Amino acid sequence: LEEEPRSATVTADSESSCLVIDAEYLESLNDEGKNSFHAAIYQMFAQILAYRLRVTTEKYTLANQEIERLKKEVDSLKS
């Protein structure tokens, strides 16, 4: 995407699918094809990020609820 060497190595923990994007093929597309490809990729990333944000928010909410529960428990032990 940035015409730079990759910056990470990935190891799958389970069966996975990978998307390979050939830069030469992308360059051969007309403007409409490039725009359609970019729109599809951005939509895919947006959906993934939205899902991850939702999961993180749920975990954050549960963690805060547990912290509040533990604070009340500690307070009741002090009394």
N, C-alpha and C. Protein backbone atom coordinates (compact mmCIF):
# COMPACT_ATOMS: atom_id res chain seq x y z
N LEU A 1 0.81 -1.20 0.00
CA LEU A 1 0.00 0.00 0.00
C LEU A 1 0.85 1.26 0.00
N GLU A 2 2.00 1.20 0.66
CA GLU A 2 2.86 2.37 0.76
C GLU A 2 4.14 2.22 -0.05
N GLU A 3 4.26 1.17 -0.82
CA GLU A 3 5.47 0.87 -1.59
C GLU A 3 6.70 0.80 -0.70
N GLU A 4 6.51 0.28 0.49
CA GLU A 4 7.58 0.09 1.47
C GLU A 4 7.62 -1.38 1.83
N PRO A 5 8.77 -1.86 2.34
CA PRO A 5 8.81 -3.25 2.80
C PRO A 5 7.80 -3.46 3.92
N ARG A 6 7.31 -4.68 4.05
CA ARG A 6 6.34 -4.96 5.10
C ARG A 6 6.97 -4.69 6.46
N SER A 7 6.15 -4.34 7.41
CA SER A 7 6.66 -3.95 8.73
C SER A 7 6.34 -4.98 9.81
N ALA A 8 5.68 -6.09 9.43
CA ALA A 8 5.30 -7.07 10.44
C ALA A 8 5.24 -8.45 9.82
N THR A 9 5.30 -9.44 10.68
CA THR A 9 5.10 -10.83 10.29
C THR A 9 3.87 -11.32 11.03
N VAL A 10 3.05 -12.10 10.37
CA VAL A 10 1.81 -12.59 10.96
C VAL A 10 1.85 -14.10 11.02
N THR A 11 1.42 -14.65 12.15
CA THR A 11 1.27 -16.09 12.31
C THR A 11 -0.17 -16.36 12.72
N ALA A 12 -0.86 -17.21 11.97
CA ALA A 12 -2.26 -17.51 12.26
C ALA A 12 -2.36 -18.54 13.38
N ASP A 13 -3.31 -18.33 14.29
CA ASP A 13 -3.58 -19.29 15.36
C ASP A 13 -4.59 -20.34 14.91
N SER A 14 -5.30 -20.05 13.84
CA SER A 14 -6.31 -20.98 13.33
C SER A 14 -6.38 -20.81 11.81
N GLU A 15 -7.24 -21.62 11.19
CA GLU A 15 -7.39 -21.55 9.75
C GLU A 15 -7.79 -20.12 9.35
N SER A 16 -7.13 -19.59 8.34
CA SER A 16 -7.34 -18.19 7.95
C SER A 16 -7.40 -18.05 6.44
N SER A 17 -7.94 -16.94 6.02
CA SER A 17 -7.94 -16.56 4.61
C SER A 17 -7.15 -15.28 4.49
N CYS A 18 -6.39 -15.17 3.42
CA CYS A 18 -5.59 -13.97 3.20
C CYS A 18 -5.96 -13.34 1.87
N LEU A 19 -5.89 -12.04 1.84
CA LEU A 19 -6.13 -11.28 0.62
C LEU A 19 -4.78 -10.79 0.12
N VAL A 20 -4.43 -11.15 -1.09
CA VAL A 20 -3.20 -10.69 -1.69
C VAL A 20 -3.57 -9.62 -2.70
N ILE A 21 -2.91 -8.48 -2.60
CA ILE A 21 -3.18 -7.38 -3.51
C ILE A 21 -1.95 -7.18 -4.38
N ASP A 22 -2.13 -7.38 -5.67
CA ASP A 22 -1.04 -7.24 -6.61
C ASP A 22 -0.99 -5.80 -7.11
N ALA A 23 0.07 -5.07 -6.76
CA ALA A 23 0.17 -3.66 -7.12
C ALA A 23 0.19 -3.46 -8.63
N GLU A 24 0.85 -4.35 -9.34
CA GLU A 24 0.90 -4.21 -10.81
C GLU A 24 -0.50 -4.35 -11.41
N TYR A 25 -1.29 -5.27 -10.89
CA TYR A 25 -2.66 -5.43 -11.39
C TYR A 25 -3.46 -4.16 -11.12
N LEU A 26 -3.32 -3.63 -9.91
CA LEU A 26 -4.05 -2.41 -9.57
C LEU A 26 -3.68 -1.27 -10.50
N GLU A 27 -2.41 -1.16 -10.83
CA GLU A 27 -1.97 -0.10 -11.73
C GLU A 27 -2.56 -0.26 -13.12
N SER A 28 -2.90 -1.50 -13.50
CA SER A 28 -3.44 -1.73 -14.84
C SER A 28 -4.93 -1.39 -14.94
N LEU A 29 -5.58 -1.18 -13.80
CA LEU A 29 -7.01 -0.86 -13.81
C LEU A 29 -7.25 0.57 -14.26
N ASN A 30 -8.40 0.79 -14.88
CA ASN A 30 -8.78 2.16 -15.20
C ASN A 30 -9.23 2.86 -13.92
N ASP A 31 -9.48 4.16 -14.00
CA ASP A 31 -9.83 4.93 -12.80
C ASP A 31 -11.06 4.38 -12.10
N GLU A 32 -12.06 3.99 -12.87
CA GLU A 32 -13.30 3.45 -12.27
C GLU A 32 -13.00 2.16 -11.52
N GLY A 33 -12.16 1.30 -12.09
CA GLY A 33 -11.80 0.05 -11.43
C GLY A 33 -11.01 0.29 -10.15
N LYS A 34 -10.08 1.24 -10.21
CA LYS A 34 -9.29 1.58 -9.02
C LYS A 34 -10.19 2.14 -7.92
N ASN A 35 -11.10 3.03 -8.32
CA ASN A 35 -12.01 3.63 -7.33
C ASN A 35 -12.91 2.57 -6.70
N SER A 36 -13.40 1.64 -7.50
CA SER A 36 -14.25 0.57 -6.97
C SER A 36 -13.47 -0.31 -6.01
N PHE A 37 -12.24 -0.64 -6.38
CA PHE A 37 -11.40 -1.47 -5.52
C PHE A 37 -11.14 -0.76 -4.19
N HIS A 38 -10.74 0.51 -4.27
CA HIS A 38 -10.46 1.25 -3.04
C HIS A 38 -11.69 1.35 -2.15
N ALA A 39 -12.85 1.59 -2.76
CA ALA A 39 -14.08 1.68 -1.98
C ALA A 39 -14.37 0.36 -1.27
N ALA A 40 -14.18 -0.76 -1.97
CA ALA A 40 -14.45 -2.07 -1.36
C ALA A 40 -13.48 -2.35 -0.21
N ILE A 41 -12.20 -2.02 -0.40
CA ILE A 41 -11.20 -2.26 0.65
C ILE A 41 -11.49 -1.37 1.86
N TYR A 42 -11.78 -0.08 1.62
CA TYR A 42 -12.08 0.81 2.74
C TYR A 42 -13.32 0.35 3.50
N GLN A 43 -14.33 -0.12 2.78
CA GLN A 43 -15.53 -0.60 3.45
C GLN A 43 -15.21 -1.83 4.31
N MET A 44 -14.40 -2.73 3.77
CA MET A 44 -14.02 -3.93 4.52
C MET A 44 -13.28 -3.55 5.80
N PHE A 45 -12.29 -2.65 5.68
CA PHE A 45 -11.55 -2.22 6.87
C PHE A 45 -12.45 -1.50 7.86
N ALA A 46 -13.37 -0.68 7.37
CA ALA A 46 -14.28 0.03 8.26
C ALA A 46 -15.15 -0.96 9.03
N GLN A 47 -15.63 -2.00 8.36
CA GLN A 47 -16.46 -3.00 9.04
C GLN A 47 -15.65 -3.74 10.10
N ILE A 48 -14.42 -4.10 9.78
CA ILE A 48 -13.56 -4.79 10.75
C ILE A 48 -13.29 -3.89 11.95
N LEU A 49 -12.94 -2.63 11.69
CA LEU A 49 -12.65 -1.70 12.79
C LEU A 49 -13.88 -1.44 13.64
N ALA A 50 -15.05 -1.33 13.02
CA ALA A 50 -16.28 -1.12 13.78
C ALA A 50 -16.57 -2.32 14.68
N TYR A 51 -16.37 -3.52 14.17
CA TYR A 51 -16.57 -4.73 14.97
C TYR A 51 -15.60 -4.74 16.16
N ARG A 52 -14.33 -4.47 15.88
CA ARG A 52 -13.33 -4.48 16.95
C ARG A 52 -13.61 -3.42 18.00
N LEU A 53 -14.07 -2.25 17.57
CA LEU A 53 -14.42 -1.20 18.52
C LEU A 53 -15.59 -1.63 19.39
N ARG A 54 -16.59 -2.27 18.79
CA ARG A 54 -17.76 -2.74 19.54
C ARG A 54 -17.33 -3.76 20.59
N VAL A 55 -16.50 -4.71 20.21
CA VAL A 55 -16.02 -5.74 21.15
C VAL A 55 -15.21 -5.09 22.27
N THR A 56 -14.33 -4.17 21.92
CA THR A 56 -13.51 -3.49 22.92
C THR A 56 -14.37 -2.69 23.89
N THR A 57 -15.38 -2.01 23.37
CA THR A 57 -16.29 -1.23 24.22
C THR A 57 -17.04 -2.14 25.17
N GLU A 58 -17.49 -3.29 24.69
CA GLU A 58 -18.20 -4.24 25.56
C GLU A 58 -17.28 -4.74 26.67
N LYS A 59 -16.03 -5.06 26.32
CA LYS A 59 -15.08 -5.53 27.33
C LYS A 59 -14.77 -4.43 28.34
N TYR A 60 -14.64 -3.20 27.86
CA TYR A 60 -14.37 -2.06 28.74
C TYR A 60 -15.53 -1.87 29.71
N THR A 61 -16.74 -1.94 29.21
CA THR A 61 -17.93 -1.78 30.06
C THR A 61 -17.99 -2.87 31.12
N LEU A 62 -17.75 -4.11 30.72
CA LEU A 62 -17.76 -5.22 31.69
C LEU A 62 -16.66 -5.05 32.73
N ALA A 63 -15.49 -4.60 32.31
CA ALA A 63 -14.39 -4.40 33.25
C ALA A 63 -14.74 -3.31 34.26
N ASN A 64 -15.34 -2.23 33.79
CA ASN A 64 -15.75 -1.16 34.71
C ASN A 64 -16.81 -1.63 35.69
N GLN A 65 -17.74 -2.44 35.21
CA GLN A 65 -18.77 -2.99 36.10
C GLN A 65 -18.13 -3.88 37.17
N GLU A 66 -17.16 -4.67 36.78
CA GLU A 66 -16.46 -5.54 37.74
C GLU A 66 -15.68 -4.72 38.75
N ILE A 67 -15.05 -3.65 38.30
CA ILE A 67 -14.31 -2.77 39.22
C ILE A 67 -15.26 -2.17 40.24
N GLU A 68 -16.41 -1.70 39.80
CA GLU A 68 -17.40 -1.13 40.72
C GLU A 68 -17.89 -2.18 41.71
N ARG A 69 -18.14 -3.39 41.23
CA ARG A 69 -18.59 -4.47 42.11
C ARG A 69 -17.54 -4.76 43.17
N LEU A 70 -16.27 -4.82 42.75
CA LEU A 70 -15.19 -5.10 43.70
C LEU A 70 -15.00 -3.97 44.70
N LYS A 71 -15.16 -2.72 44.24
CA LYS A 71 -15.07 -1.59 45.17
C LYS A 71 -16.13 -1.70 46.26
N LYS A 72 -17.36 -2.04 45.86
CA LYS A 72 -18.45 -2.19 46.83
C LYS A 72 -18.15 -3.32 47.79
N GLU A 73 -17.59 -4.39 47.27
CA GLU A 73 -17.25 -5.54 48.13
C GLU A 73 -16.18 -5.16 49.14
N VAL A 74 -15.17 -4.43 48.70
CA VAL A 74 -14.12 -4.00 49.60
C VAL A 74 -14.69 -3.05 50.65
N ASP A 75 -15.53 -2.12 50.22
CA ASP A 75 -16.17 -1.18 51.15
C ASP A 75 -17.01 -1.92 52.19
N SER A 76 -17.72 -2.96 51.78
CA SER A 76 -18.54 -3.70 52.74
C SER A 76 -17.69 -4.49 53.73
N LEU A 77 -16.49 -4.89 53.32
CA LEU A 77 -15.60 -5.60 54.23
C LEU A 77 -14.98 -4.64 55.27
N LYS A 78 -14.84 -3.38 54.88
CA LYS A 78 -14.29 -2.37 55.80
C LYS A 78 -15.28 -2.03 56.89
N SER A 79 -16.57 -2.17 56.62
CA SER A 79 -17.61 -1.75 57.58
C SER A 79 -17.77 -2.73 58.71
